[in-house]
């Protein structure tokens, strides 16, 4: 698993996704100052909130990118297990 050193959650917001479903959009700030948005579906968002012990979006700020990456991977694996 690749790790982006120094990348942290800069902020998060709820946005409309496909077919009107809500998704969590996490803004990642890199050590070079660049940023990018990472959309998370409901399962990944819940996993991220739990792993960060966060009850508000503001509590995600400053958390490492690795937690976002782990939530995406676990969400993907959970989805694949359900389809089998």
N, C-alpha and C. Protein backbone atom coordinates (compact mmCIF):
# COMPACT_ATOMS: atom_id res chain seq x y z
N UNK A 1 0.84 -1.17 0.00
CA UNK A 1 0.00 0.00 0.00
C UNK A 1 0.90 1.24 0.00
N UNK A 2 0.70 2.10 -0.99
CA UNK A 2 1.49 3.33 -1.09
C UNK A 2 1.01 4.33 -0.06
N UNK A 3 1.95 5.03 0.55
CA UNK A 3 1.62 6.04 1.55
C UNK A 3 2.13 7.38 1.04
N UNK A 4 1.29 8.39 1.11
CA UNK A 4 1.68 9.73 0.70
C UNK A 4 2.08 10.47 1.96
N UNK A 5 3.39 10.63 2.16
CA UNK A 5 3.90 11.23 3.39
C UNK A 5 3.40 12.66 3.53
N UNK A 6 2.95 13.00 4.72
CA UNK A 6 2.54 14.36 5.01
C UNK A 6 1.15 14.73 4.53
N UNK A 7 0.45 13.85 3.84
CA UNK A 7 -0.90 14.17 3.35
C UNK A 7 -1.89 14.04 4.50
N UNK A 8 -2.72 15.06 4.68
CA UNK A 8 -3.70 15.08 5.77
C UNK A 8 -5.06 15.57 5.25
N UNK A 9 -6.08 15.26 6.02
CA UNK A 9 -7.42 15.76 5.70
C UNK A 9 -7.46 17.25 6.02
N UNK A 10 -7.80 18.03 5.00
CA UNK A 10 -7.86 19.48 5.12
C UNK A 10 -9.28 19.94 5.46
N UNK A 11 -10.27 19.12 5.14
CA UNK A 11 -11.66 19.45 5.40
C UNK A 11 -12.55 18.39 4.77
N UNK A 12 -13.83 18.47 5.03
CA UNK A 12 -14.78 17.52 4.47
C UNK A 12 -16.14 18.19 4.35
N UNK A 13 -16.91 17.73 3.37
CA UNK A 13 -18.25 18.26 3.17
C UNK A 13 -19.14 17.16 2.61
N UNK A 14 -20.43 17.31 2.80
CA UNK A 14 -21.40 16.39 2.22
C UNK A 14 -21.84 16.98 0.89
N UNK A 15 -21.91 16.13 -0.13
CA UNK A 15 -22.29 16.57 -1.48
C UNK A 15 -23.27 15.57 -2.08
N UNK A 16 -24.00 16.02 -3.08
CA UNK A 16 -24.90 15.13 -3.81
C UNK A 16 -24.09 14.24 -4.74
N UNK A 17 -24.46 12.99 -4.80
CA UNK A 17 -23.78 12.03 -5.67
C UNK A 17 -24.79 11.49 -6.68
N UNK A 18 -24.42 10.43 -7.33
CA UNK A 18 -25.25 9.79 -8.35
C UNK A 18 -26.62 9.42 -7.79
N UNK A 19 -27.67 9.70 -8.53
CA UNK A 19 -29.05 9.37 -8.17
C UNK A 19 -29.50 10.00 -6.86
N UNK A 20 -28.92 11.16 -6.53
CA UNK A 20 -29.36 11.89 -5.35
C UNK A 20 -28.84 11.39 -4.02
N UNK A 21 -28.00 10.38 -4.03
CA UNK A 21 -27.41 9.88 -2.79
C UNK A 21 -26.38 10.88 -2.29
N UNK A 22 -26.21 10.92 -0.98
CA UNK A 22 -25.19 11.79 -0.40
C UNK A 22 -23.86 11.06 -0.34
N UNK A 23 -22.78 11.82 -0.48
CA UNK A 23 -21.44 11.27 -0.31
C UNK A 23 -20.62 12.27 0.49
N UNK A 24 -19.58 11.78 1.09
CA UNK A 24 -18.66 12.62 1.83
C UNK A 24 -17.49 12.94 0.92
N UNK A 25 -17.21 14.21 0.72
CA UNK A 25 -16.06 14.62 -0.09
C UNK A 25 -14.99 15.12 0.86
N UNK A 26 -13.87 14.42 0.89
CA UNK A 26 -12.76 14.75 1.78
C UNK A 26 -11.70 15.48 0.97
N UNK A 27 -11.28 16.64 1.46
CA UNK A 27 -10.22 17.39 0.81
C UNK A 27 -8.90 17.03 1.47
N UNK A 28 -7.96 16.56 0.65
CA UNK A 28 -6.64 16.16 1.13
C UNK A 28 -5.62 17.24 0.79
N UNK A 29 -4.80 17.63 1.77
CA UNK A 29 -3.71 18.59 1.55
C UNK A 29 -2.38 17.84 1.62
N UNK A 30 -1.58 18.02 0.59
CA UNK A 30 -0.28 17.35 0.49
C UNK A 30 0.81 18.25 1.05
N UNK A 31 1.94 17.67 1.36
CA UNK A 31 3.04 18.41 1.97
C UNK A 31 3.57 19.53 1.06
N UNK A 32 3.33 19.41 -0.25
CA UNK A 32 3.79 20.46 -1.18
C UNK A 32 2.77 21.58 -1.32
N UNK A 33 1.65 21.50 -0.57
CA UNK A 33 0.62 22.53 -0.60
C UNK A 33 -0.55 22.24 -1.52
N UNK A 34 -0.40 21.25 -2.38
CA UNK A 34 -1.48 20.88 -3.29
C UNK A 34 -2.63 20.22 -2.55
N UNK A 35 -3.81 20.27 -3.15
CA UNK A 35 -4.98 19.63 -2.56
C UNK A 35 -5.74 18.85 -3.61
N UNK A 36 -6.53 17.91 -3.17
CA UNK A 36 -7.44 17.19 -4.06
C UNK A 36 -8.62 16.68 -3.25
N UNK A 37 -9.75 16.52 -3.93
CA UNK A 37 -10.96 16.01 -3.31
C UNK A 37 -11.08 14.51 -3.56
N UNK A 38 -11.49 13.78 -2.52
CA UNK A 38 -11.70 12.34 -2.61
C UNK A 38 -13.13 12.05 -2.16
N UNK A 39 -13.99 11.59 -3.09
CA UNK A 39 -15.36 11.27 -2.70
C UNK A 39 -15.45 9.90 -2.03
N UNK A 40 -16.24 9.82 -0.96
CA UNK A 40 -16.44 8.56 -0.25
C UNK A 40 -17.92 8.25 -0.21
N UNK A 41 -18.26 7.02 -0.54
CA UNK A 41 -19.63 6.55 -0.40
C UNK A 41 -19.98 6.39 1.06
N UNK A 42 -21.22 6.01 1.33
CA UNK A 42 -21.71 5.92 2.71
C UNK A 42 -20.90 4.97 3.58
N UNK A 43 -20.56 3.80 3.05
CA UNK A 43 -19.82 2.82 3.85
C UNK A 43 -18.42 3.33 4.18
N UNK A 44 -17.71 3.84 3.18
CA UNK A 44 -16.36 4.37 3.41
C UNK A 44 -16.40 5.56 4.36
N UNK A 45 -17.41 6.42 4.22
CA UNK A 45 -17.52 7.58 5.10
C UNK A 45 -17.71 7.14 6.55
N UNK A 46 -18.58 6.15 6.75
CA UNK A 46 -18.80 5.64 8.11
C UNK A 46 -17.53 5.02 8.68
N UNK A 47 -16.82 4.27 7.87
CA UNK A 47 -15.57 3.66 8.33
C UNK A 47 -14.54 4.73 8.69
N UNK A 48 -14.45 5.77 7.88
CA UNK A 48 -13.51 6.86 8.17
C UNK A 48 -13.87 7.56 9.47
N UNK A 49 -15.14 7.91 9.63
CA UNK A 49 -15.56 8.59 10.85
C UNK A 49 -15.25 7.75 12.08
N UNK A 50 -15.50 6.45 11.98
CA UNK A 50 -15.24 5.55 13.10
C UNK A 50 -13.75 5.45 13.40
N UNK A 51 -12.93 5.30 12.36
CA UNK A 51 -11.48 5.15 12.59
C UNK A 51 -10.84 6.42 13.15
N UNK A 52 -11.47 7.57 12.90
CA UNK A 52 -10.96 8.84 13.42
C UNK A 52 -11.63 9.23 14.73
N UNK A 53 -12.54 8.38 15.23
CA UNK A 53 -13.31 8.70 16.44
C UNK A 53 -13.97 10.07 16.30
N UNK A 54 -14.49 10.35 15.10
CA UNK A 54 -15.09 11.65 14.81
C UNK A 54 -16.61 11.56 14.83
N UNK A 55 -17.22 12.55 15.42
CA UNK A 55 -18.68 12.66 15.40
C UNK A 55 -19.12 13.87 14.57
N UNK A 56 -18.15 14.71 14.17
CA UNK A 56 -18.43 15.85 13.30
C UNK A 56 -17.39 15.86 12.18
N UNK A 57 -17.72 16.51 11.08
CA UNK A 57 -16.78 16.60 9.96
C UNK A 57 -15.53 17.37 10.35
N UNK A 58 -15.68 18.36 11.20
CA UNK A 58 -14.53 19.17 11.62
C UNK A 58 -13.48 18.32 12.34
N UNK A 59 -13.91 17.26 13.00
CA UNK A 59 -12.97 16.41 13.73
C UNK A 59 -12.10 15.57 12.81
N UNK A 60 -12.42 15.55 11.51
CA UNK A 60 -11.59 14.83 10.54
C UNK A 60 -10.33 15.62 10.17
N UNK A 61 -10.39 16.93 10.32
CA UNK A 61 -9.28 17.79 9.92
C UNK A 61 -8.00 17.42 10.66
N UNK A 62 -6.92 17.30 9.90
CA UNK A 62 -5.62 16.95 10.46
C UNK A 62 -5.34 15.46 10.52
N UNK A 63 -6.36 14.64 10.30
CA UNK A 63 -6.15 13.19 10.29
C UNK A 63 -5.35 12.80 9.05
N UNK A 64 -4.57 11.77 9.15
CA UNK A 64 -3.71 11.33 8.05
C UNK A 64 -4.48 10.72 6.88
N UNK A 65 -3.95 10.89 5.70
CA UNK A 65 -4.49 10.31 4.47
C UNK A 65 -4.65 8.81 4.58
N UNK A 66 -3.80 8.15 5.35
CA UNK A 66 -3.84 6.70 5.47
C UNK A 66 -5.20 6.22 5.96
N UNK A 67 -5.87 7.00 6.79
CA UNK A 67 -7.19 6.60 7.29
C UNK A 67 -8.23 6.66 6.17
N UNK A 68 -8.11 7.62 5.28
CA UNK A 68 -9.01 7.70 4.12
C UNK A 68 -8.76 6.49 3.22
N UNK A 69 -7.50 6.23 2.96
CA UNK A 69 -7.13 5.10 2.11
C UNK A 69 -7.62 3.78 2.69
N UNK A 70 -7.45 3.58 3.99
CA UNK A 70 -7.91 2.34 4.63
C UNK A 70 -9.42 2.21 4.55
N UNK A 71 -10.16 3.31 4.72
CA UNK A 71 -11.62 3.26 4.63
C UNK A 71 -12.07 2.89 3.23
N UNK A 72 -11.40 3.44 2.21
CA UNK A 72 -11.74 3.10 0.83
C UNK A 72 -11.48 1.63 0.53
N UNK A 73 -10.36 1.14 0.99
CA UNK A 73 -10.00 -0.27 0.74
C UNK A 73 -10.99 -1.19 1.45
N UNK A 74 -11.29 -0.92 2.72
CA UNK A 74 -12.21 -1.78 3.47
C UNK A 74 -13.61 -1.73 2.86
N UNK A 75 -14.04 -0.55 2.44
CA UNK A 75 -15.35 -0.41 1.81
C UNK A 75 -15.40 -1.21 0.51
N UNK A 76 -14.36 -1.14 -0.28
CA UNK A 76 -14.28 -1.89 -1.53
C UNK A 76 -14.33 -3.40 -1.26
N UNK A 77 -13.55 -3.84 -0.29
CA UNK A 77 -13.51 -5.27 0.04
C UNK A 77 -14.86 -5.76 0.56
N UNK A 78 -15.53 -4.95 1.37
CA UNK A 78 -16.85 -5.30 1.89
C UNK A 78 -17.85 -5.43 0.77
N UNK A 79 -17.81 -4.50 -0.17
CA UNK A 79 -18.72 -4.53 -1.33
C UNK A 79 -18.49 -5.79 -2.17
N UNK A 80 -17.23 -6.13 -2.40
CA UNK A 80 -16.90 -7.31 -3.20
C UNK A 80 -17.34 -8.60 -2.50
N UNK A 81 -17.21 -8.66 -1.17
CA UNK A 81 -17.63 -9.84 -0.43
C UNK A 81 -19.14 -10.04 -0.53
N UNK A 82 -19.90 -8.94 -0.54
CA UNK A 82 -21.36 -9.03 -0.63
C UNK A 82 -21.81 -9.55 -2.00
N UNK A 83 -21.04 -9.26 -3.04
CA UNK A 83 -21.41 -9.67 -4.40
C UNK A 83 -21.10 -11.13 -4.68
N UNK A 84 -20.25 -11.75 -3.86
CA UNK A 84 -19.85 -13.13 -4.12
C UNK A 84 -20.83 -14.12 -3.55
